[in-house]
Amino acid sequence: MLVHCPQESITWGLVNRTCPDGAMMDTALKTAARIAGNAPISTRQAKKSIDVAIEVERKAGYAFEIEANTIMVPTQDRLEGIRSFNEKRRPAFKGEYVGFSRMNHLSKVPR
């Protein structure tokens, strides 16, 4: 079994961060909280895109990613993200679509 030191793992791109002994759970929970604070529709679509990308060929993965991105265009969260950026404040994401039913848009993406 090949063992790498933490710095080698970062340098080689095997991990994106390390933490001190005993701090892994706290670090993981902080990362999860940061992800959970993002817009829920875009977070869900990113997760779906990653799941699909590891199962299909590159071209199909790119096509799925484009569709997943298109689904996020008519969302209140996208508008809130733009407004909050322009107003230099934290966004208040709600996971809502603009004038469309949520199910109509999510049903376009295979699960």
Protein backbone atom coordinates (compact mmCIF):
# COMPACT_ATOMS: atom_id res chain seq x y z
CA MET A 1 0.00 0.00 0.00
CA LEU A 2 1.38 3.36 -1.07
CA VAL A 3 1.11 6.08 1.59
CA HIS A 4 1.43 9.80 0.86
CA CYS A 5 2.12 12.62 3.25
CA PRO A 6 -0.60 15.31 3.41
CA GLN A 7 1.45 17.87 1.46
CA GLU A 8 2.11 15.38 -1.35
CA SER A 9 -1.61 14.60 -1.55
CA ILE A 10 -2.38 18.30 -1.99
CA THR A 11 0.44 18.82 -4.51
CA TRP A 12 -0.70 15.85 -6.60
CA GLY A 13 -4.34 16.98 -6.52
CA LEU A 14 -5.58 13.94 -4.58
CA VAL A 15 -7.22 16.17 -1.96
CA ASN A 16 -8.11 19.86 -1.82
CA ARG A 17 -7.27 20.38 1.85
CA THR A 18 -5.97 18.69 4.94
CA CYS A 19 -6.75 19.20 8.61
CA PRO A 20 -5.00 18.49 11.90
CA ASP A 21 -5.54 15.19 13.70
CA GLY A 22 -8.91 15.17 15.47
CA ALA A 23 -10.32 18.05 13.40
CA MET A 24 -11.68 16.08 10.45
CA MET A 25 -15.33 15.95 11.57
CA ASP A 26 -15.41 19.66 12.47
CA THR A 27 -13.80 20.54 9.13
CA ALA A 28 -16.24 18.31 7.22
CA LEU A 29 -19.24 19.85 8.99
CA LYS A 30 -18.02 23.38 8.24
CA THR A 31 -17.61 22.44 4.58
CA ALA A 32 -21.09 20.87 4.50
CA ALA A 33 -22.59 24.01 6.07
CA ARG A 34 -20.90 26.16 3.44
CA ILE A 35 -22.28 23.98 0.63
CA ALA A 36 -25.75 23.97 2.24
CA GLY A 37 -25.68 27.79 2.26
CA ASN A 38 -25.53 27.89 -1.54
CA ALA A 39 -28.56 28.12 -3.80
CA PRO A 40 -30.36 24.76 -3.40
CA ILE A 41 -31.33 24.30 -7.05
CA SER A 42 -27.83 24.98 -8.37
CA THR A 43 -26.27 22.77 -5.68
CA ARG A 44 -28.64 19.93 -6.61
CA GLN A 45 -27.91 20.38 -10.33
CA ALA A 46 -24.14 20.42 -9.70
CA LYS A 47 -24.40 17.16 -7.75
CA LYS A 48 -26.46 15.57 -10.55
CA SER A 49 -23.94 16.73 -13.15
CA ILE A 50 -21.06 15.17 -11.21
CA ASP A 51 -22.98 11.92 -10.78
CA VAL A 52 -23.80 11.76 -14.49
CA ALA A 53 -20.27 12.75 -15.56
CA ILE A 54 -18.71 9.71 -13.93
CA GLU A 55 -21.20 7.36 -15.60
CA VAL A 56 -21.26 8.57 -19.23
CA GLU A 57 -18.85 9.57 -21.99
CA ARG A 58 -17.51 13.13 -21.98
CA LYS A 59 -19.79 14.46 -24.75
CA ALA A 60 -22.93 13.18 -23.00
CA GLY A 61 -21.65 14.61 -19.70
CA TYR A 62 -21.18 18.03 -21.28
CA ALA A 63 -24.68 17.88 -22.80
CA PHE A 64 -26.15 17.01 -19.41
CA GLU A 65 -24.24 19.84 -17.75
CA ILE A 66 -25.56 22.36 -20.30
CA GLU A 67 -29.12 21.16 -19.67
CA ALA A 68 -28.61 21.27 -15.91
CA ASN A 69 -27.35 24.84 -16.21
CA THR A 70 -30.27 25.84 -18.45
CA ILE A 71 -32.70 24.57 -15.82
CA MET A 72 -31.25 27.06 -13.33
CA VAL A 73 -31.83 30.13 -15.52
CA PRO A 74 -35.49 30.76 -14.58
CA THR A 75 -34.89 30.65 -10.82
CA GLN A 76 -35.44 33.27 -8.17
CA ASP A 77 -32.09 32.18 -6.75
CA ARG A 78 -30.26 33.29 -9.91
CA LEU A 79 -31.91 36.69 -9.72
CA GLU A 80 -31.20 36.88 -5.98
CA GLY A 81 -27.56 35.99 -6.63
CA ILE A 82 -27.21 38.82 -9.16
CA ARG A 83 -29.01 41.32 -6.92
CA SER A 84 -27.04 40.40 -3.82
CA PHE A 85 -23.76 40.63 -5.73
CA ASN A 86 -24.65 44.07 -7.09
CA GLU A 87 -25.83 45.22 -3.65
CA LYS A 88 -22.73 43.70 -1.97
CA ARG A 89 -24.73 41.61 0.50
CA ARG A 90 -25.18 37.94 1.33
CA PRO A 91 -27.83 36.24 -0.82
CA ALA A 92 -31.03 34.83 0.67
CA PHE A 93 -31.66 31.78 -1.52
CA LYS A 94 -35.10 30.13 -1.46
CA GLY A 95 -34.95 27.46 -4.16
CA GLU A 96 -37.82 28.90 -6.21
CA TYR A 97 -38.47 29.23 -9.94
CA VAL A 98 -39.74 32.41 -11.61
CA GLY A 99 -43.25 31.82 -12.92
CA PHE A 100 -42.75 28.09 -13.53
CA SER A 101 -43.59 25.01 -11.57
CA ARG A 102 -40.60 23.33 -9.96
CA MET A 103 -41.64 19.90 -11.17
CA ASN A 104 -41.78 21.00 -14.84
CA HIS A 105 -38.12 21.93 -14.76
CA LEU A 106 -36.74 19.14 -12.62
CA SER A 107 -38.54 16.49 -14.63
CA LYS A 108 -36.33 17.35 -17.65
CA VAL A 109 -33.29 16.00 -15.86
CA PRO A 110 -32.96 12.23 -15.52
CA ARG A 111 -32.45 11.12 -11.93
